[in-house]
Amino acid sequence: MAVHQREFKIVSWNCNGINSKTHELELLINNHSPDIFCLSETKLEPSIADNELITNYTLYRRDRTTGPGRGGGVLIGLSNRCPFIVSRINTHSSAEIIALDLHVSVCGFSFTLACYYRRPTDNQIDDIINWYFDQTCPNIIIVGHEIGRAHV
C-alpha cells in the first residue's frame, strides 16, 4: 500500500490593514506559493468582496464589525489547487479567531488551523486558551498576532 505524503506551505502575516496592500499580498503569494495563508489585523469591512483581494484562493474571514476601534479581523486563504476539505468553520464569540477543521483528502490527515488576533492593549489570553481547550482535533496549528506577548 502506497503512502501519500505531501508537505503544505503555510504563510502568516499581520498585514495591519490589507485594503491598501493587495499588491504586497499578490507578491507574497507569487513569491512563496503558499497552500494556505493567514492574515491578522485585516481591517476589512464586510462590503469588500473576496475577489477584490486575491483570486485562486477560497477565503474564510472574520471581519471585526463591533467592538472598540477600527481594526482587527482575521482571514484564512486556502489554495484552490490543494485537496482540502473544510469540515467545519469555527469562530469563538469572545475571541477574534477563525478556525477551519481541515481534512487532506489525498492522505487522510485532519487538522485544525486557527488564525488569531489579540489587541496589543489586551493583556489576557483567556479567550484563545478557552478556545483551545474546546477543540476535539488533536492536531492544531495556531497563527496570528500578539499570541506571545500576553501576560498570564
C-alpha atoms as a PDB file:
ATOM      1  CA  MET A   1       0.000   0.000   0.000  1.00  0.00           C
ATOM      2  CA  ALA A   2       1.491   3.331  -1.034  1.00  0.00           C
ATOM      3  CA  VAL A   3       1.575   6.115   1.500  1.00  0.00           C
ATOM      4  CA  HIS A   4       0.878   9.568   0.119  1.00  0.00           C
ATOM      5  CA  GLN A   5       2.931  12.300   1.712  1.00  0.00           C
ATOM      6  CA  ARG A   6       2.743  15.961   0.912  1.00  0.00           C
ATOM      7  CA  GLU A   7       4.140  18.998   2.581  1.00  0.00           C
ATOM      8  CA  PHE A   8       1.996  22.093   2.817  1.00  0.00           C
ATOM      9  CA  LYS A   9       3.275  25.633   2.994  1.00  0.00           C
ATOM     10  CA  ILE A  10       1.502  27.999   5.377  1.00  0.00           C
ATOM     11  CA  VAL A  11       2.279  31.724   5.477  1.00  0.00           C
ATOM     12  CA  SER A  12       1.118  34.032   8.268  1.00  0.00           C
ATOM     13  CA  TRP A  13       1.212  37.839   8.049  1.00  0.00           C
ATOM     14  CA  ASN A  14       0.000  40.619  10.327  1.00  0.00           C
ATOM     15  CA  CYS A  15      -0.869  42.930   7.460  1.00  0.00           C
ATOM     16  CA  ASN A  16      -2.193  45.820   9.605  1.00  0.00           C
ATOM     17  CA  GLY A  17      -4.844  46.574   7.008  1.00  0.00           C
ATOM     18  CA  ILE A  18      -4.977  44.655   3.724  1.00  0.00           C
ATOM     19  CA  ASN A  19      -7.077  47.093   1.639  1.00  0.00           C
ATOM     20  CA  SER A  20      -4.077  49.195   0.634  1.00  0.00           C
ATOM     21  CA  LYS A  21      -1.699  46.216   0.496  1.00  0.00           C
ATOM     22  CA  THR A  22      -3.260  43.898  -2.078  1.00  0.00           C
ATOM     23  CA  HIS A  23      -0.154  44.324  -4.240  1.00  0.00           C
ATOM     24  CA  GLU A  24       2.030  43.126  -1.343  1.00  0.00           C
ATOM     25  CA  LEU A  25      -0.316  40.171  -0.848  1.00  0.00           C
ATOM     26  CA  GLU A  26      -0.028  39.319  -4.540  1.00  0.00           C
ATOM     27  CA  LEU A  27       3.794  39.465  -4.303  1.00  0.00           C
ATOM     28  CA  LEU A  28       3.736  37.255  -1.205  1.00  0.00           C
ATOM     29  CA  ILE A  29       1.560  34.707  -2.988  1.00  0.00           C
ATOM     30  CA  ASN A  30       3.620  34.798  -6.193  1.00  0.00           C
ATOM     31  CA  ASN A  31       6.973  34.551  -4.393  1.00  0.00           C
ATOM     32  CA  HIS A  32       6.061  31.828  -1.889  1.00  0.00           C
ATOM     33  CA  SER A  33       3.125  29.954  -3.465  1.00  0.00           C
ATOM     34  CA  PRO A  34       1.574  29.028  -0.123  1.00  0.00           C
ATOM     35  CA  ASP A  35      -1.083  26.371   0.072  1.00  0.00           C
ATOM     36  CA  ILE A  36      -2.598  28.338   2.942  1.00  0.00           C
ATOM     37  CA  PHE A  37      -2.146  31.929   4.033  1.00  0.00           C
ATOM     38  CA  CYS A  38      -3.389  33.565   7.209  1.00  0.00           C
ATOM     39  CA  LEU A  39      -3.799  37.299   7.719  1.00  0.00           C
ATOM     40  CA  SER A  40      -4.341  39.025  11.027  1.00  0.00           C
ATOM     41  CA  GLU A  41      -5.458  42.618  11.592  1.00  0.00           C
ATOM     42  CA  THR A  42      -7.052  42.731   8.143  1.00  0.00           C
ATOM     43  CA  LYS A  43      -9.245  45.738   8.953  1.00  0.00           C
ATOM     44  CA  LEU A  44     -11.695  44.563   6.300  1.00  0.00           C
ATOM     45  CA  GLU A  45     -15.263  45.729   6.004  1.00  0.00           C
ATOM     46  CA  PRO A  46     -17.909  43.128   5.053  1.00  0.00           C
ATOM     47  CA  SER A  47     -18.606  45.187   1.903  1.00  0.00           C
ATOM     48  CA  ILE A  48     -15.183  44.232   0.454  1.00  0.00           C
ATOM     49  CA  ALA A  49     -15.592  41.149  -1.751  1.00  0.00           C
ATOM     50  CA  ASP A  50     -13.104  38.284  -1.543  1.00  0.00           C
ATOM     51  CA  ASN A  51     -12.205  38.549  -5.232  1.00  0.00           C
ATOM     52  CA  GLU A  52     -11.111  42.168  -4.654  1.00  0.00           C
ATOM     53  CA  LEU A  53      -8.275  40.779  -2.520  1.00  0.00           C
ATOM     54  CA  ILE A  54      -6.987  37.702  -4.368  1.00  0.00           C
ATOM     55  CA  THR A  55      -8.024  35.040  -6.841  1.00  0.00           C
ATOM     56  CA  ASN A  56      -7.323  31.295  -6.913  1.00  0.00           C
ATOM     57  CA  TYR A  57      -7.899  31.051  -3.149  1.00  0.00           C
ATOM     58  CA  THR A  58     -11.037  30.434  -1.159  1.00  0.00           C
ATOM     59  CA  LEU A  59     -11.165  32.955   1.674  1.00  0.00           C
ATOM     60  CA  TYR A  60     -12.624  32.468   5.138  1.00  0.00           C
ATOM     61  CA  ARG A  61     -12.940  35.742   7.014  1.00  0.00           C
ATOM     62  CA  ARG A  62     -13.956  37.112  10.325  1.00  0.00           C
ATOM     63  CA  ASP A  63     -14.162  40.865   9.935  1.00  0.00           C
ATOM     64  CA  ARG A  64     -14.450  42.969  13.063  1.00  0.00           C
ATOM     65  CA  THR A  65     -17.846  44.580  12.861  1.00  0.00           C
ATOM     66  CA  THR A  66     -18.264  45.517  16.523  1.00  0.00           C
ATOM     67  CA  GLY A  67     -16.068  46.428  19.435  1.00  0.00           C
ATOM     68  CA  PRO A  68     -13.512  49.125  20.043  1.00  0.00           C
ATOM     69  CA  GLY A  69     -11.643  50.755  17.222  1.00  0.00           C
ATOM     70  CA  ARG A  70     -11.484  50.121  13.549  1.00  0.00           C
ATOM     71  CA  GLY A  71      -9.125  47.256  13.175  1.00  0.00           C
ATOM     72  CA  GLY A  72      -8.720  43.618  13.909  1.00  0.00           C
ATOM     73  CA  GLY A  73     -10.088  40.963  11.643  1.00  0.00           C
ATOM     74  CA  VAL A  74      -8.644  37.605  10.639  1.00  0.00           C
ATOM     75  CA  LEU A  75      -8.611  35.665   7.381  1.00  0.00           C
ATOM     76  CA  ILE A  76      -7.535  32.244   6.134  1.00  0.00           C
ATOM     77  CA  GLY A  77      -6.992  31.636   2.421  1.00  0.00           C
ATOM     78  CA  LEU A  78      -6.927  28.092   1.007  1.00  0.00           C
ATOM     79  CA  SER A  79      -5.398  27.488  -2.398  1.00  0.00           C
ATOM     80  CA  ASN A  80      -7.911  26.160  -4.920  1.00  0.00           C
ATOM     81  CA  ARG A  81      -5.268  23.726  -6.211  1.00  0.00           C
ATOM     82  CA  CYS A  82      -4.941  21.851  -2.897  1.00  0.00           C
ATOM     83  CA  PRO A  83      -7.032  18.881  -1.776  1.00  0.00           C
ATOM     84  CA  PHE A  84      -8.519  20.454   1.352  1.00  0.00           C
ATOM     85  CA  ILE A  85     -11.971  19.607   2.596  1.00  0.00           C
ATOM     86  CA  VAL A  86     -13.327  22.068   5.160  1.00  0.00           C
ATOM     87  CA  SER A  87     -15.404  20.078   7.601  1.00  0.00           C
ATOM     88  CA  ARG A  88     -16.151  22.942  10.000  1.00  0.00           C
ATOM     89  CA  ILE A  89     -15.694  26.694  10.235  1.00  0.00           C
ATOM     90  CA  ASN A  90     -15.257  27.705  13.839  1.00  0.00           C
ATOM     91  CA  THR A  91     -15.423  31.131  15.422  1.00  0.00           C
ATOM     92  CA  HIS A  92     -15.439  31.862  19.109  1.00  0.00           C
ATOM     93  CA  SER A  93     -17.671  34.563  20.489  1.00  0.00           C
ATOM     94  CA  SER A  94     -15.128  36.030  22.896  1.00  0.00           C
ATOM     95  CA  ALA A  95     -12.025  35.701  20.699  1.00  0.00           C
ATOM     96  CA  GLU A  96     -11.043  37.319  17.434  1.00  0.00           C
ATOM     97  CA  ILE A  97     -10.356  33.979  15.818  1.00  0.00           C
ATOM     98  CA  ILE A  98     -11.327  31.972  12.785  1.00  0.00           C
ATOM     99  CA  ALA A  99     -10.524  28.282  12.662  1.00  0.00           C
ATOM    100  CA  LEU A 100     -11.010  25.674   9.997  1.00  0.00           C
ATOM    101  CA  ASP A 101     -11.193  21.956  10.585  1.00  0.00           C
ATOM    102  CA  LEU A 102      -9.407  20.650   7.503  1.00  0.00           C
ATOM    103  CA  HIS A 103      -9.130  17.207   6.013  1.00  0.00           C
ATOM    104  CA  VAL A 104      -6.492  16.459   3.372  1.00  0.00           C
ATOM    105  CA  SER A 105      -8.229  14.020   1.064  1.00  0.00           C
ATOM    106  CA  VAL A 106      -5.128  12.509  -0.577  1.00  0.00           C
ATOM    107  CA  CYS A 107      -3.581  11.306   2.681  1.00  0.00           C
ATOM    108  CA  GLY A 108      -6.447  11.222   5.175  1.00  0.00           C
ATOM    109  CA  PHE A 109      -4.799  13.710   7.563  1.00  0.00           C
ATOM    110  CA  SER A 110      -7.013  16.092   9.545  1.00  0.00           C
ATOM    111  CA  PHE A 111      -6.058  19.196  11.475  1.00  0.00           C
ATOM    112  CA  THR A 112      -7.436  22.465  12.788  1.00  0.00           C
ATOM    113  CA  LEU A 113      -5.895  25.723  11.605  1.00  0.00           C
ATOM    114  CA  ALA A 114      -6.678  28.859  13.594  1.00  0.00           C
ATOM    115  CA  CYS A 115      -5.822  32.471  12.867  1.00  0.00           C
ATOM    116  CA  TYR A 116      -5.996  34.685  15.950  1.00  0.00           C
ATOM    117  CA  TYR A 117      -5.666  38.397  16.637  1.00  0.00           C
ATOM    118  CA  ARG A 118      -5.299  39.950  20.068  1.00  0.00           C
ATOM    119  CA  ARG A 119      -5.292  43.683  20.552  1.00  0.00           C
ATOM    120  CA  PRO A 120      -1.910  44.897  21.857  1.00  0.00           C
ATOM    121  CA  THR A 121      -3.704  46.611  24.744  1.00  0.00           C
ATOM    122  CA  ASP A 122      -5.368  43.376  25.857  1.00  0.00           C
ATOM    123  CA  ASN A 123      -3.180  41.682  28.477  1.00  0.00           C
ATOM    124  CA  GLN A 124      -5.221  38.496  28.779  1.00  0.00           C
ATOM    125  CA  ILE A 125      -5.175  35.381  26.612  1.00  0.00           C
ATOM    126  CA  ASP A 126      -8.076  33.563  28.266  1.00  0.00           C
ATOM    127  CA  ASP A 127     -10.045  33.721  25.004  1.00  0.00           C
ATOM    128  CA  ILE A 128      -7.529  31.682  22.994  1.00  0.00           C
ATOM    129  CA  ILE A 129      -6.880  29.302  25.893  1.00  0.00           C
ATOM    130  CA  ASN A 130     -10.609  28.632  26.293  1.00  0.00           C
ATOM    131  CA  TRP A 131     -10.966  28.125  22.541  1.00  0.00           C
ATOM    132  CA  TYR A 132      -8.040  25.681  22.521  1.00  0.00           C
ATOM    133  CA  PHE A 133      -9.477  23.523  25.301  1.00  0.00           C
ATOM    134  CA  ASP A 134     -12.825  23.346  23.483  1.00  0.00           C
ATOM    135  CA  GLN A 135     -11.223  21.680  20.454  1.00  0.00           C
ATOM    136  CA  THR A 136     -11.592  17.991  19.734  1.00  0.00           C
ATOM    137  CA  CYS A 137      -8.976  17.589  16.982  1.00  0.00           C
ATOM    138  CA  PRO A 138      -5.543  16.636  18.392  1.00  0.00           C
ATOM    139  CA  ASN A 139      -3.682  18.376  15.535  1.00  0.00           C
ATOM    140  CA  ILE A 140      -3.929  22.148  15.965  1.00  0.00           C
ATOM    141  CA  ILE A 141      -1.940  24.964  14.363  1.00  0.00           C
ATOM    142  CA  ILE A 142      -2.460  28.487  15.739  1.00  0.00           C
ATOM    143  CA  VAL A 143      -1.023  31.519  13.977  1.00  0.00           C
ATOM    144  CA  GLY A 144      -1.635  35.199  14.445  1.00  0.00           C
ATOM    145  CA  HIS A 145      -0.616  38.441  16.029  1.00  0.00           C
ATOM    146  CA  GLU A 146       0.199  39.133  19.670  1.00  0.00           C
ATOM    147  CA  ILE A 147      -0.022  35.495  20.770  1.00  0.00           C
ATOM    148  CA  GLY A 148       3.315  35.517  22.548  1.00  0.00           C
ATOM    149  CA  ARG A 149       3.124  38.877  24.308  1.00  0.00           C
ATOM    150  CA  ALA A 150       0.322  38.229  26.751  1.00  0.00           C
ATOM    151  CA  HIS A 151       0.712  38.304  30.496  1.00  0.00           C
ATOM    152  CA  VAL A 152      -0.886  35.404  32.287  1.00  0.00           C
END
